[in-house]
Amino acid sequence: MIIDIYKSTKNGNKYLSIPKGTKIAQLELPDSVDSDLLTLSPFKTRLEIEPKNTHATLDQDDIIQQIERNGYAVHEAKTVITVGTVK
């Protein structure tokens, strides 16, 4: 599946993904959707995700299941890097 990912401009850890070619402006979200996801900016286009494959910041299986069920996926993506100091 090839997806486009949009990032919340209110909370940089929240994302909305849709199948490539879906017009984001025509997407109908439920009233219960997180209000942080109502203001988005493009983040990544044409990302290929596959079931059962691992990705450092995405749960690909969950995103695919949400898109198949809802037409979109709401998720977070976060990479944490811990840096040590010299003593």
C-alpha atoms as a PDB file:
ATOM      1  CA  MET A   1       0.000   0.000   0.000  1.00  0.00           C
ATOM      2  CA  ILE A   2       1.276   3.475  -0.830  1.00  0.00           C
ATOM      3  CA  ILE A   3       0.254   6.249   1.552  1.00  0.00           C
ATOM      4  CA  ASP A   4       0.581   9.978   2.049  1.00  0.00           C
ATOM      5  CA  ILE A   5       1.243  11.163   5.600  1.00  0.00           C
ATOM      6  CA  TYR A   6       0.116  14.479   7.062  1.00  0.00           C
ATOM      7  CA  LYS A   7       1.443  15.918  10.309  1.00  0.00           C
ATOM      8  CA  SER A   8      -0.576  17.881  12.848  1.00  0.00           C
ATOM      9  CA  THR A   9       0.543  21.490  13.039  1.00  0.00           C
ATOM     10  CA  LYS A  10      -0.701  21.607  16.648  1.00  0.00           C
ATOM     11  CA  ASN A  11       1.072  18.490  17.930  1.00  0.00           C
ATOM     12  CA  GLY A  12       4.133  17.279  16.045  1.00  0.00           C
ATOM     13  CA  ASN A  13       3.741  13.693  17.273  1.00  0.00           C
ATOM     14  CA  LYS A  14       0.293  13.169  15.681  1.00  0.00           C
ATOM     15  CA  TYR A  15      -0.194  12.057  12.091  1.00  0.00           C
ATOM     16  CA  LEU A  16      -2.970  11.195   9.686  1.00  0.00           C
ATOM     17  CA  SER A  17      -2.236   8.818   6.816  1.00  0.00           C
ATOM     18  CA  ILE A  18      -4.356   8.211   3.735  1.00  0.00           C
ATOM     19  CA  PRO A  19      -4.010   6.109   0.598  1.00  0.00           C
ATOM     20  CA  LYS A  20      -2.011   7.834  -2.136  1.00  0.00           C
ATOM     21  CA  GLY A  21      -4.315   9.833  -4.381  1.00  0.00           C
ATOM     22  CA  THR A  22      -6.928  10.541  -1.713  1.00  0.00           C
ATOM     23  CA  LYS A  23      -7.816  14.233  -1.569  1.00  0.00           C
ATOM     24  CA  ILE A  24      -7.267  15.291   2.032  1.00  0.00           C
ATOM     25  CA  ALA A  25      -9.711  18.211   1.746  1.00  0.00           C
ATOM     26  CA  GLN A  26     -12.529  15.801   0.814  1.00  0.00           C
ATOM     27  CA  LEU A  27     -11.873  13.401   3.682  1.00  0.00           C
ATOM     28  CA  GLU A  28     -14.846  13.120   6.035  1.00  0.00           C
ATOM     29  CA  LEU A  29     -13.663  12.682   9.611  1.00  0.00           C
ATOM     30  CA  PRO A  30     -16.009  11.877  12.496  1.00  0.00           C
ATOM     31  CA  ASP A  31     -16.819  14.499  15.123  1.00  0.00           C
ATOM     32  CA  SER A  32     -14.883  12.404  17.629  1.00  0.00           C
ATOM     33  CA  VAL A  33     -11.550  12.818  15.820  1.00  0.00           C
ATOM     34  CA  ASP A  34      -8.757  14.466  17.812  1.00  0.00           C
ATOM     35  CA  SER A  35      -8.995  18.218  17.131  1.00  0.00           C
ATOM     36  CA  ASP A  36      -5.197  18.333  16.718  1.00  0.00           C
ATOM     37  CA  LEU A  37      -5.739  16.467  13.439  1.00  0.00           C
ATOM     38  CA  LEU A  38      -7.930  19.162  11.901  1.00  0.00           C
ATOM     39  CA  THR A  39      -4.937  21.333  10.976  1.00  0.00           C
ATOM     40  CA  LEU A  40      -2.379  19.386   8.968  1.00  0.00           C
ATOM     41  CA  SER A  41       0.637  19.911   6.780  1.00  0.00           C
ATOM     42  CA  PRO A  42       2.078  17.440   4.269  1.00  0.00           C
ATOM     43  CA  PHE A  43       4.800  15.308   5.829  1.00  0.00           C
ATOM     44  CA  LYS A  44       5.665  12.386   3.541  1.00  0.00           C
ATOM     45  CA  THR A  45       4.201  11.375   0.198  1.00  0.00           C
ATOM     46  CA  ARG A  46       4.202   8.068  -1.600  1.00  0.00           C
ATOM     47  CA  LEU A  47       5.524   5.999   1.303  1.00  0.00           C
ATOM     48  CA  GLU A  48       5.152   2.295   0.616  1.00  0.00           C
ATOM     49  CA  ILE A  49       4.099   0.253   3.619  1.00  0.00           C
ATOM     50  CA  GLU A  50       3.634  -3.499   3.743  1.00  0.00           C
ATOM     51  CA  PRO A  51       1.998  -5.826   6.260  1.00  0.00           C
ATOM     52  CA  LYS A  52       4.355  -7.734   8.532  1.00  0.00           C
ATOM     53  CA  ASN A  53       7.295  -5.403   7.777  1.00  0.00           C
ATOM     54  CA  THR A  54       8.845  -3.397  10.571  1.00  0.00           C
ATOM     55  CA  HIS A  55       9.433   0.318  10.385  1.00  0.00           C
ATOM     56  CA  ALA A  56      11.383   2.318  12.939  1.00  0.00           C
ATOM     57  CA  THR A  57       8.558   4.751  13.716  1.00  0.00           C
ATOM     58  CA  LEU A  58       5.356   3.292  12.226  1.00  0.00           C
ATOM     59  CA  ASP A  59       3.153   0.313  13.069  1.00  0.00           C
ATOM     60  CA  GLN A  60       2.489  -0.579   9.453  1.00  0.00           C
ATOM     61  CA  ASP A  61      -0.058  -3.321  10.217  1.00  0.00           C
ATOM     62  CA  ASP A  62      -2.132  -0.943  12.343  1.00  0.00           C
ATOM     63  CA  ILE A  63      -2.032   1.805   9.704  1.00  0.00           C
ATOM     64  CA  ILE A  64      -3.131  -0.606   6.956  1.00  0.00           C
ATOM     65  CA  GLN A  65      -5.973  -1.968   9.118  1.00  0.00           C
ATOM     66  CA  GLN A  66      -7.208   1.545   9.986  1.00  0.00           C
ATOM     67  CA  ILE A  67      -7.114   2.642   6.340  1.00  0.00           C
ATOM     68  CA  GLU A  68      -9.014  -0.471   5.246  1.00  0.00           C
ATOM     69  CA  ARG A  69     -11.619   0.134   7.971  1.00  0.00           C
ATOM     70  CA  ASN A  70     -11.914   3.956   7.911  1.00  0.00           C
ATOM     71  CA  GLY A  71     -10.227   5.241   4.760  1.00  0.00           C
ATOM     72  CA  TYR A  72      -7.563   6.927   6.917  1.00  0.00           C
ATOM     73  CA  ALA A  73      -5.266   6.140   9.860  1.00  0.00           C
ATOM     74  CA  VAL A  74      -4.542   8.208  12.945  1.00  0.00           C
ATOM     75  CA  HIS A  75      -1.206   7.451  14.548  1.00  0.00           C
ATOM     76  CA  GLU A  76       1.856   8.786  16.265  1.00  0.00           C
ATOM     77  CA  ALA A  77       5.441   8.561  15.167  1.00  0.00           C
ATOM     78  CA  LYS A  78       8.298   9.321  17.443  1.00  0.00           C
ATOM     79  CA  THR A  79      11.970   8.494  17.464  1.00  0.00           C
ATOM     80  CA  VAL A  80      13.816   8.904  20.743  1.00  0.00           C
ATOM     81  CA  ILE A  81      17.572   9.249  20.770  1.00  0.00           C
ATOM     82  CA  THR A  82      19.402   9.133  24.070  1.00  0.00           C
ATOM     83  CA  VAL A  83      22.803  10.797  24.193  1.00  0.00           C
ATOM     84  CA  GLY A  84      25.218  10.080  26.989  1.00  0.00           C
ATOM     85  CA  THR A  85      27.908  12.280  28.429  1.00  0.00           C
ATOM     86  CA  VAL A  86      31.540  11.544  29.143  1.00  0.00           C
ATOM     87  CA  LYS A  87      32.380  11.424  32.844  1.00  0.00           C
END
